[in-house]
Protein backbone atom coordinates (compact mmCIF):
# COMPACT_ATOMS: atom_id res chain seq x y z
CA UNK A 1 0.00 0.00 0.00
CA UNK A 2 1.41 3.37 -1.04
CA UNK A 3 0.61 6.73 0.54
CA UNK A 4 -0.26 9.79 -1.53
CA UNK A 5 0.75 12.82 0.53
CA UNK A 6 0.26 16.57 0.42
CA UNK A 7 3.34 17.66 -1.55
CA UNK A 8 5.65 20.54 -0.67
CA UNK A 9 5.26 22.79 -3.69
CA UNK A 10 8.16 25.05 -2.79
CA UNK A 11 10.15 26.17 0.22
CA UNK A 12 7.45 28.65 1.17
CA UNK A 13 4.63 26.10 1.47
CA UNK A 14 3.59 24.78 4.87
CA UNK A 15 0.07 23.56 4.11
CA UNK A 16 -2.50 23.29 1.33
CA UNK A 17 -6.23 22.94 0.83
CA UNK A 18 -7.63 19.93 -1.02
CA UNK A 19 -10.10 21.52 -3.44
CA UNK A 20 -10.84 18.74 -5.90
CA UNK A 21 -10.47 14.97 -6.27
CA UNK A 22 -10.22 13.73 -9.87
CA UNK A 23 -10.37 10.07 -8.86
CA UNK A 24 -12.50 7.91 -6.58
CA UNK A 25 -11.84 4.65 -4.72
CA UNK A 26 -11.44 1.82 -7.21
CA UNK A 27 -10.00 3.96 -10.00
CA UNK A 28 -6.80 2.77 -11.67
CA UNK A 29 -3.98 5.32 -11.83
CA UNK A 30 -0.52 5.39 -13.38
CA UNK A 31 2.56 7.53 -12.89
CA UNK A 32 2.00 11.07 -14.14
CA UNK A 33 -1.79 11.06 -13.75
CA UNK A 34 -3.28 14.17 -12.15
CA UNK A 35 -5.50 12.91 -9.36
CA UNK A 36 -6.16 15.97 -7.20
CA UNK A 37 -6.16 19.78 -7.19
CA UNK A 38 -4.54 21.52 -4.23
CA UNK A 39 -4.83 25.22 -3.46
CA UNK A 40 -1.70 26.95 -2.18
CA UNK A 41 -0.54 30.54 -1.94
CA UNK A 42 0.41 30.18 -5.61
CA UNK A 43 -3.08 29.20 -6.71
CA UNK A 44 -4.74 25.90 -7.60
CA UNK A 45 -2.12 23.29 -8.55
CA UNK A 46 -2.82 19.96 -10.27
CA UNK A 47 -1.08 17.24 -8.26
CA UNK A 48 0.27 14.14 -9.94
CA UNK A 49 0.73 10.63 -8.62
CA UNK A 50 3.96 8.72 -9.22
CA UNK A 51 2.80 5.18 -8.59
CA UNK A 52 0.72 2.73 -10.56
CA UNK A 53 -2.13 0.99 -8.86
CA UNK A 54 -5.70 1.31 -7.62
CA UNK A 55 -7.02 4.09 -5.39
CA UNK A 56 -7.96 2.37 -2.15
CA UNK A 57 -8.95 5.10 0.30
CA UNK A 58 -9.63 8.83 0.12
CA UNK A 59 -8.57 10.18 3.51
CA UNK A 60 -8.93 13.96 3.22
CA UNK A 61 -12.25 15.53 2.22
CA UNK A 62 -12.65 18.41 -0.19
CA UNK A 63 -12.18 21.78 1.44
CA UNK A 64 -9.89 20.61 4.25
CA UNK A 65 -6.57 22.39 4.80
CA UNK A 66 -3.77 20.07 5.94
CA UNK A 67 0.00 20.38 6.53
CA UNK A 68 2.59 19.29 3.98
CA UNK A 69 3.22 15.55 4.31
CA UNK A 70 -0.33 14.65 5.36
CA UNK A 71 -1.53 11.41 3.76
CA UNK A 72 -4.33 12.35 1.36
CA UNK A 73 -5.10 8.91 -0.06
CA UNK A 74 -3.92 5.32 -0.14
CA UNK A 75 -3.05 3.49 -3.34
CA UNK A 76 -2.81 -0.26 -3.70
CA UNK A 77 0.35 -0.46 -5.77
CA UNK A 78 0.07 -2.75 -8.77
CA UNK A 79 2.31 -5.79 -8.63
CA UNK A 80 3.80 -7.42 -11.68
CA UNK A 81 1.45 -10.13 -12.85
CA UNK A 82 2.65 -13.74 -12.74
CA UNK A 83 3.53 -15.20 -16.15
CA UNK A 84 0.74 -17.25 -17.75
CA UNK A 85 1.04 -21.04 -17.60
CA UNK A 86 3.00 -22.60 -20.42
CA UNK A 87 0.89 -23.85 -23.31
CA UNK A 88 1.21 -27.62 -23.71
CA UNK A 89 1.90 -28.88 -27.24
CA UNK A 90 -1.09 -30.30 -29.03
CA UNK A 91 -1.38 -34.09 -29.24
CA UNK A 92 -3.10 -36.19 -31.85
CA UNK A 93 -6.64 -37.34 -31.12
CA UNK A 94 -8.57 -40.22 -32.64
CA UNK A 95 -11.20 -38.03 -34.29
CA UNK A 96 -11.02 -34.61 -35.96
CA UNK A 97 -13.76 -33.29 -33.73
CA UNK A 98 -12.49 -30.76 -31.22
CA UNK A 99 -14.38 -31.03 -27.97
CA UNK A 100 -14.67 -27.97 -25.69
CA UNK A 101 -12.60 -28.35 -22.55
CA UNK A 102 -15.33 -27.78 -20.06
CA UNK A 103 -13.23 -28.81 -17.08
CA UNK A 104 -10.40 -26.34 -17.71
CA UNK A 105 -11.07 -23.28 -15.65
CA UNK A 106 -10.65 -19.86 -17.21
CA UNK A 107 -7.97 -17.93 -15.33
CA UNK A 108 -9.68 -15.43 -13.09
CA UNK A 109 -7.95 -12.68 -11.19
CA UNK A 110 -8.74 -13.20 -7.52
CA UNK A 111 -10.92 -10.47 -6.11
CA UNK A 112 -9.11 -8.14 -3.78
CA UNK A 113 -10.23 -8.29 -0.20
CA UNK A 114 -12.36 -5.21 0.41
CA UNK A 115 -10.66 -2.57 2.50
CA UNK A 116 -12.42 0.02 4.60
CA UNK A 117 -12.94 3.20 2.66
CA UNK A 118 -13.38 6.73 3.89
CA UNK A 119 -15.54 8.10 1.11
CA UNK A 120 -16.07 11.84 1.00
CA UNK A 121 -19.76 12.50 0.59
CA UNK A 122 -19.49 15.08 -2.20
CA UNK A 123 -17.15 12.78 -4.12
CA UNK A 124 -19.78 10.14 -4.78
CA UNK A 125 -22.01 12.71 -6.42
CA UNK A 126 -19.31 14.37 -8.53
CA UNK A 127 -19.67 14.48 -12.28
CA UNK A 128 -16.75 14.02 -14.60
CA UNK A 129 -15.48 17.36 -15.87
CA UNK A 130 -12.91 17.77 -18.62
CA UNK A 131 -9.88 19.94 -17.77
CA UNK A 132 -10.87 22.52 -20.40
CA UNK A 133 -14.38 22.75 -18.97
CA UNK A 134 -13.05 23.08 -15.43
CA UNK A 135 -10.68 25.90 -16.42
CA UNK A 136 -13.39 27.76 -18.34
CA UNK A 137 -15.81 27.47 -15.43
CA UNK A 138 -13.19 28.92 -13.08
CA UNK A 139 -12.60 31.82 -15.48
CA UNK A 140 -16.32 32.55 -15.73
CA UNK A 141 -16.95 32.09 -12.03
CA UNK A 142 -19.44 29.36 -12.90
CA UNK A 143 -20.30 26.44 -10.62
CA UNK A 144 -20.19 23.24 -12.71
CA UNK A 145 -22.23 21.45 -10.03
CA UNK A 146 -25.31 23.24 -11.42
CA UNK A 147 -25.03 21.13 -14.60
CA UNK A 148 -26.98 17.94 -13.98
CA UNK A 149 -25.41 15.99 -16.83
CA UNK A 150 -22.98 16.80 -19.57
CA UNK A 151 -22.98 15.79 -23.22
CA UNK A 152 -19.69 13.91 -23.08
CA UNK A 153 -18.98 10.23 -22.53
CA UNK A 154 -20.90 8.86 -19.53
CA UNK A 155 -22.39 12.30 -18.95
CA UNK A 156 -19.06 14.07 -18.52
CA UNK A 157 -19.18 17.85 -18.67
CA UNK A 158 -17.44 19.34 -21.69
CA UNK A 159 -16.35 22.88 -22.54
CA UNK A 160 -19.47 23.38 -24.68
CA UNK A 161 -21.67 22.43 -21.72
CA UNK A 162 -20.08 25.07 -19.53
CA UNK A 163 -20.37 27.74 -22.22
CA UNK A 164 -24.04 26.93 -22.81
CA UNK A 165 -24.97 26.79 -19.13
CA UNK A 166 -23.03 29.94 -18.26
CA UNK A 167 -24.70 31.93 -21.03
CA UNK A 168 -28.13 30.78 -19.87
CA UNK A 169 -27.67 31.85 -16.23
CA UNK A 170 -25.82 34.60 -14.38
CA UNK A 171 -22.36 33.59 -13.15
CA UNK A 172 -21.90 32.70 -9.53
CA UNK A 173 -19.03 34.20 -7.56
CA UNK A 174 -15.81 32.21 -7.89
CA UNK A 175 -15.31 30.05 -4.83
CA UNK A 176 -11.52 30.14 -4.98
CA UNK A 177 -8.78 31.90 -6.79
CA UNK A 178 -5.35 33.35 -6.40
CA UNK A 179 -4.98 35.23 -3.13
CA UNK A 180 -2.34 37.81 -4.06
CA UNK A 181 -1.92 39.02 -0.49
CA UNK A 182 -1.28 35.45 0.66
CA UNK A 183 1.15 34.88 -2.21
CA UNK A 184 3.03 38.05 -1.28
CA UNK A 185 3.35 36.83 2.32
CA UNK A 186 4.62 33.47 1.09
CA UNK A 187 7.20 35.08 -1.20
CA UNK A 188 8.35 37.35 1.63
CA UNK A 189 8.74 34.37 3.97
CA UNK A 190 10.78 32.38 1.45
CA UNK A 191 13.01 35.32 0.54
CA UNK A 192 13.55 36.23 4.20
CA UNK A 193 14.64 32.67 4.87
CA UNK A 194 16.95 32.78 1.86
CA UNK A 195 18.68 36.00 2.90
CA UNK A 196 18.91 34.80 6.50
CA UNK A 197 20.33 31.34 5.81
CA UNK A 198 22.16 31.55 2.48
CA UNK A 199 25.45 33.48 2.20
CA UNK A 200 24.89 35.11 -1.20
CA UNK A 201 27.54 36.47 -3.49
CA UNK A 202 26.76 38.52 -6.59
CA UNK A 203 28.43 38.95 -9.98
CA UNK A 204 27.48 40.64 -13.26
CA UNK A 205 28.68 40.40 -16.85
CA UNK A 206 27.86 42.45 -19.94
CA UNK A 207 27.15 40.36 -23.03
CA UNK A 208 27.26 41.58 -26.64
CA UNK A 209 24.07 40.50 -28.44
CA UNK A 210 24.91 41.75 -31.94
CA UNK A 211 25.50 38.26 -33.37
CA UNK A 212 22.58 36.72 -31.45
CA UNK A 213 20.00 39.30 -32.49
CA UNK A 214 21.18 39.30 -36.12
CA UNK A 215 20.89 35.51 -36.22
CA UNK A 216 17.42 35.64 -34.60
CA UNK A 217 16.25 38.22 -37.14
CA UNK A 218 17.24 35.92 -40.00
CA UNK A 219 15.60 32.94 -38.29
CA UNK A 220 12.33 34.78 -37.66
CA UNK A 221 12.14 36.10 -41.23
CA UNK A 222 11.46 32.56 -42.43
CA UNK A 223 8.86 31.71 -39.77
CA UNK A 224 5.19 32.58 -39.22
CA UNK A 225 4.51 34.83 -36.19
CA UNK A 226 3.52 31.95 -33.91
CA UNK A 227 6.89 30.24 -34.46
CA UNK A 228 9.16 33.24 -34.06
CA UNK A 229 11.69 33.47 -31.24
CA UNK A 230 12.14 36.12 -28.58
CA UNK A 231 15.51 37.13 -27.08
CA UNK A 232 14.43 35.57 -23.78
CA UNK A 233 14.66 32.08 -25.28
CA UNK A 234 18.29 32.72 -26.28
CA UNK A 235 19.02 33.80 -22.70
CA UNK A 236 17.37 30.70 -21.28
CA UNK A 237 19.24 28.30 -23.57
CA UNK A 238 22.61 29.98 -22.97
CA UNK A 239 22.09 29.86 -19.20
CA UNK A 240 21.17 26.16 -19.38
CA UNK A 241 24.09 25.16 -21.60
CA UNK A 242 26.60 27.08 -19.45
CA UNK A 243 25.50 25.01 -16.44
CA UNK A 244 27.01 21.97 -18.15
CA UNK A 245 30.37 23.67 -17.72
CA UNK A 246 29.71 24.69 -14.09
CA UNK A 247 27.44 21.99 -12.64
CA UNK A 248 27.94 23.11 -9.02
CA UNK A 249 25.56 25.97 -9.69
CA UNK A 250 22.81 23.48 -10.53
CA UNK A 251 21.28 21.47 -7.70
CA UNK A 252 20.08 21.72 -4.10
CA UNK A 253 21.65 22.44 -0.72
CA UNK A 254 19.80 20.61 2.04
CA UNK A 255 20.76 19.38 5.51
CA UNK A 256 24.25 20.83 5.17
CA UNK A 257 25.05 18.96 1.95
CA UNK A 258 25.02 20.05 -1.71
CA UNK A 259 23.44 17.57 -4.11
CA UNK A 260 24.25 18.41 -7.75
CA UNK A 261 21.55 17.62 -10.28
CA UNK A 262 22.33 15.52 -13.34
CA UNK A 263 19.45 17.22 -15.14
CA UNK A 264 19.03 20.93 -15.83
CA UNK A 265 15.44 21.91 -15.03
CA UNK A 266 15.20 25.69 -15.29
CA UNK A 267 12.62 27.48 -13.18
CA UNK A 268 11.41 30.29 -15.48
CA UNK A 269 10.24 33.26 -13.40
CA UNK A 270 6.76 34.41 -14.50
CA UNK A 271 5.08 37.61 -13.33
CA UNK A 272 1.40 37.03 -12.66
CA UNK A 273 -1.30 39.52 -13.60
CA UNK A 274 -2.18 41.67 -10.63
CA UNK A 275 1.08 40.87 -8.85
CA UNK A 276 2.98 37.88 -7.59
CA UNK A 277 5.66 35.66 -9.05
CA UNK A 278 5.99 31.97 -9.81
CA UNK A 279 8.83 29.95 -11.35
CA UNK A 280 7.70 26.59 -12.78
CA UNK A 281 10.26 24.29 -14.39
CA UNK A 282 11.17 23.82 -18.01
CA UNK A 283 12.61 20.34 -17.76
CA UNK A 284 15.87 19.40 -19.52
CA UNK A 285 16.20 22.94 -20.89
CA UNK A 286 19.74 22.28 -22.11
CA UNK A 287 18.52 19.46 -24.37
CA UNK A 288 15.64 21.30 -26.02
CA UNK A 289 15.90 23.18 -29.29
CA UNK A 290 15.18 26.89 -29.34
CA UNK A 291 11.82 26.23 -30.96
CA UNK A 292 10.92 23.69 -28.26
CA UNK A 293 12.00 26.09 -25.53
CA UNK A 294 9.93 28.92 -27.03
CA UNK A 295 6.86 26.68 -27.10
CA UNK A 296 7.49 25.54 -23.52
CA UNK A 297 7.88 29.13 -22.31
CA UNK A 298 4.64 30.25 -23.95
CA UNK A 299 2.80 27.25 -22.56
CA UNK A 300 4.06 27.84 -19.02
CA UNK A 301 3.22 31.53 -19.05
CA UNK A 302 -0.31 30.84 -20.30
CA UNK A 303 -1.00 28.09 -17.78
CA UNK A 304 0.61 29.93 -14.86
CA UNK A 305 -1.55 32.99 -15.44
CA UNK A 306 -4.75 30.98 -15.58
CA UNK A 307 -3.80 28.80 -12.61
CA UNK A 308 -3.23 25.48 -14.32
CA UNK A 309 0.24 24.31 -13.29
CA UNK A 310 1.21 20.81 -12.19
CA UNK A 311 2.92 19.93 -8.93
CA UNK A 312 5.99 18.49 -10.70
CA UNK A 313 6.54 21.83 -12.44
CA UNK A 314 6.89 23.56 -9.07
CA UNK A 315 8.99 20.94 -7.29
CA UNK A 316 11.57 20.07 -9.96
CA UNK A 317 13.49 23.31 -10.75
CA UNK A 318 17.23 22.94 -10.14
CA UNK A 319 18.03 26.60 -10.90
CA UNK A 320 16.04 29.77 -11.60
CA UNK A 321 16.32 32.23 -14.49
CA UNK A 322 14.57 35.59 -14.45
CA UNK A 323 14.28 38.08 -17.28
CA UNK A 324 13.22 41.57 -16.19
CA UNK A 325 14.16 43.42 -19.36
CA UNK A 326 10.64 43.47 -20.74
CA UNK A 327 9.61 45.56 -17.72
CA UNK A 328 12.32 48.15 -18.27
CA UNK A 329 15.04 47.23 -15.76
CA UNK A 330 18.61 47.19 -17.10
CA UNK A 331 19.75 44.66 -14.50
CA UNK A 332 18.45 42.52 -11.64
CA UNK A 333 20.05 41.28 -8.43
CA UNK A 334 18.23 38.06 -7.58
CA UNK A 335 17.58 36.25 -4.32
CA UNK A 336 18.17 32.49 -4.36
CA UNK A 337 15.07 30.33 -3.97
CA UNK A 338 15.97 27.55 -1.51
CA UNK A 339 17.02 24.79 -1.73
CA UNK A 340 18.50 25.93 -5.07
CA UNK A 341 22.00 27.44 -5.02
CA UNK A 342 21.85 30.05 -7.77
CA UNK A 343 19.62 32.41 -9.72
CA UNK A 344 20.51 34.01 -13.06
CA UNK A 345 19.06 37.32 -14.19
CA UNK A 346 18.88 39.11 -17.55
CA UNK A 347 18.14 42.81 -17.88
CA UNK A 348 16.86 45.01 -20.69
CA UNK A 349 18.73 45.02 -24.01
CA UNK A 350 20.24 48.48 -24.53
CA UNK A 351 22.34 50.05 -27.29
CA UNK A 352 25.65 51.25 -25.87
CA UNK A 353 29.16 52.14 -27.09
CA UNK A 354 31.29 48.97 -27.20
CA UNK A 355 34.86 48.37 -28.22
CA UNK A 356 35.11 45.89 -31.13
CA UNK A 357 38.56 45.12 -32.59
CA UNK A 358 39.91 48.37 -31.23
CA UNK A 359 37.03 50.46 -32.56
CA UNK A 360 34.08 51.95 -30.71
CA UNK A 361 30.76 50.76 -32.12
CA UNK A 362 27.13 50.90 -31.04
CA UNK A 363 26.15 47.40 -29.91
CA UNK A 364 23.06 45.84 -28.30
CA UNK A 365 24.15 44.78 -24.80
CA UNK A 366 22.53 42.92 -21.92
CA UNK A 367 23.60 42.74 -18.29
CA UNK A 368 23.67 39.17 -16.97
CA UNK A 369 23.70 38.70 -13.19
CA UNK A 370 24.35 35.77 -10.90
CA UNK A 371 23.45 35.33 -7.25
CA UNK A 372 25.00 32.15 -5.87
CA UNK A 373 25.42 30.27 -2.60
CA UNK A 374 28.88 30.78 -1.07
CA UNK A 375 28.56 27.45 0.78
CA UNK A 376 28.78 25.67 -2.56
CA UNK A 377 30.76 27.89 -4.95
CA UNK A 378 32.78 31.08 -5.00
CA UNK A 379 33.39 34.02 -7.33
CA UNK A 380 35.83 32.09 -9.50
CA UNK A 381 33.24 29.52 -10.57
CA UNK A 382 30.58 32.20 -10.82
CA UNK A 383 32.79 34.32 -13.07
CA UNK A 384 33.55 31.39 -15.35
CA UNK A 385 29.83 30.67 -15.59
CA UNK A 386 28.91 34.21 -16.63
CA UNK A 387 31.75 34.26 -19.15
CA UNK A 388 30.35 31.04 -20.66
CA UNK A 389 26.92 32.65 -21.06
CA UNK A 390 28.43 35.69 -22.79
CA UNK A 391 30.43 33.44 -25.12
CA UNK A 392 27.41 31.31 -26.02
CA UNK A 393 25.32 34.38 -26.81
CA UNK A 394 27.98 35.42 -29.32
CA UNK A 395 27.73 31.97 -30.94
CA UNK A 396 23.95 31.73 -31.51
CA UNK A 397 24.31 28.90 -34.03
CA UNK A 398 25.46 26.67 -31.15
CA UNK A 399 22.35 27.28 -29.04
């Protein structure tokens, strides 16, 4: 029996509210399935399960707020099935007539012994709602429980059902949403802890973007608008690739020990409408093409701003990258998000005088900053890392 617990969706999370179950006792689940929605200071997060088996018990009812680590449900983990009995070779019989083997029993999977179940009352009455319908209902402030039966398979509620029902009746007030004041308190708590416990050091580097922006202009000229790149994706890829050269800036420091990460999962800082910040992960950013990274960035921004992130996207970042240039700042001095050990920042691209081959030219420049944990690295490694980013941005064909 496996336990499905309230996850810690960041260093600033102490508890969460169970707002929706997407499974019921008896349902089969596999690794990666979203089985619950949890509300935190960062909004409603879809929580995945990482076992394969059958949901046995639901232990926490909808609406209850519980600490991180609380067991939410129990899952009977699937065991590998025993191999089927060997098929005996056929033998000759006196007549060509094949008689049915009435005495041979058909293999039957033994019924599992029933286990006590704590069934949440509202769960038994829940209708199936597609993710798109659930998101649209949240946007409209519409209560899907007012729809008796949807038009989807087995009466599931589809997007069209929500649109039709919402247009036929006035919207009800949204029951839950992003509490910006609560998010601000959570951010303040995490950053206070970071500044109190982590000995930061800070470095900056100015990178010449002439080659990178010229290459991007040529690339975009051949693409439709939806496939064009932004400078931010070049920054993200350069930061990820440079971590291959300085892996001690990529990982986690916990319980007095640094654990480097073999994978580079970049937490991309996203500013939410109305205030607040969140940094979900773009997994294996160093291995993705620029086009794949651009698509991943757009997808994350869209889902973060409508409150549709997954728990794994908040728990897996190994480093954070923030780009504040679009909001007008020429540089940024970041604060490390524990247990990570570094944060990389990119400022606004500005045209400045720059010496090229002994001559002063006007070049597009960007200030790249690094805040890193002095318990793990020092300025030498940090300087080499920033120099690698600047070099990669001058070699855009290698990104």
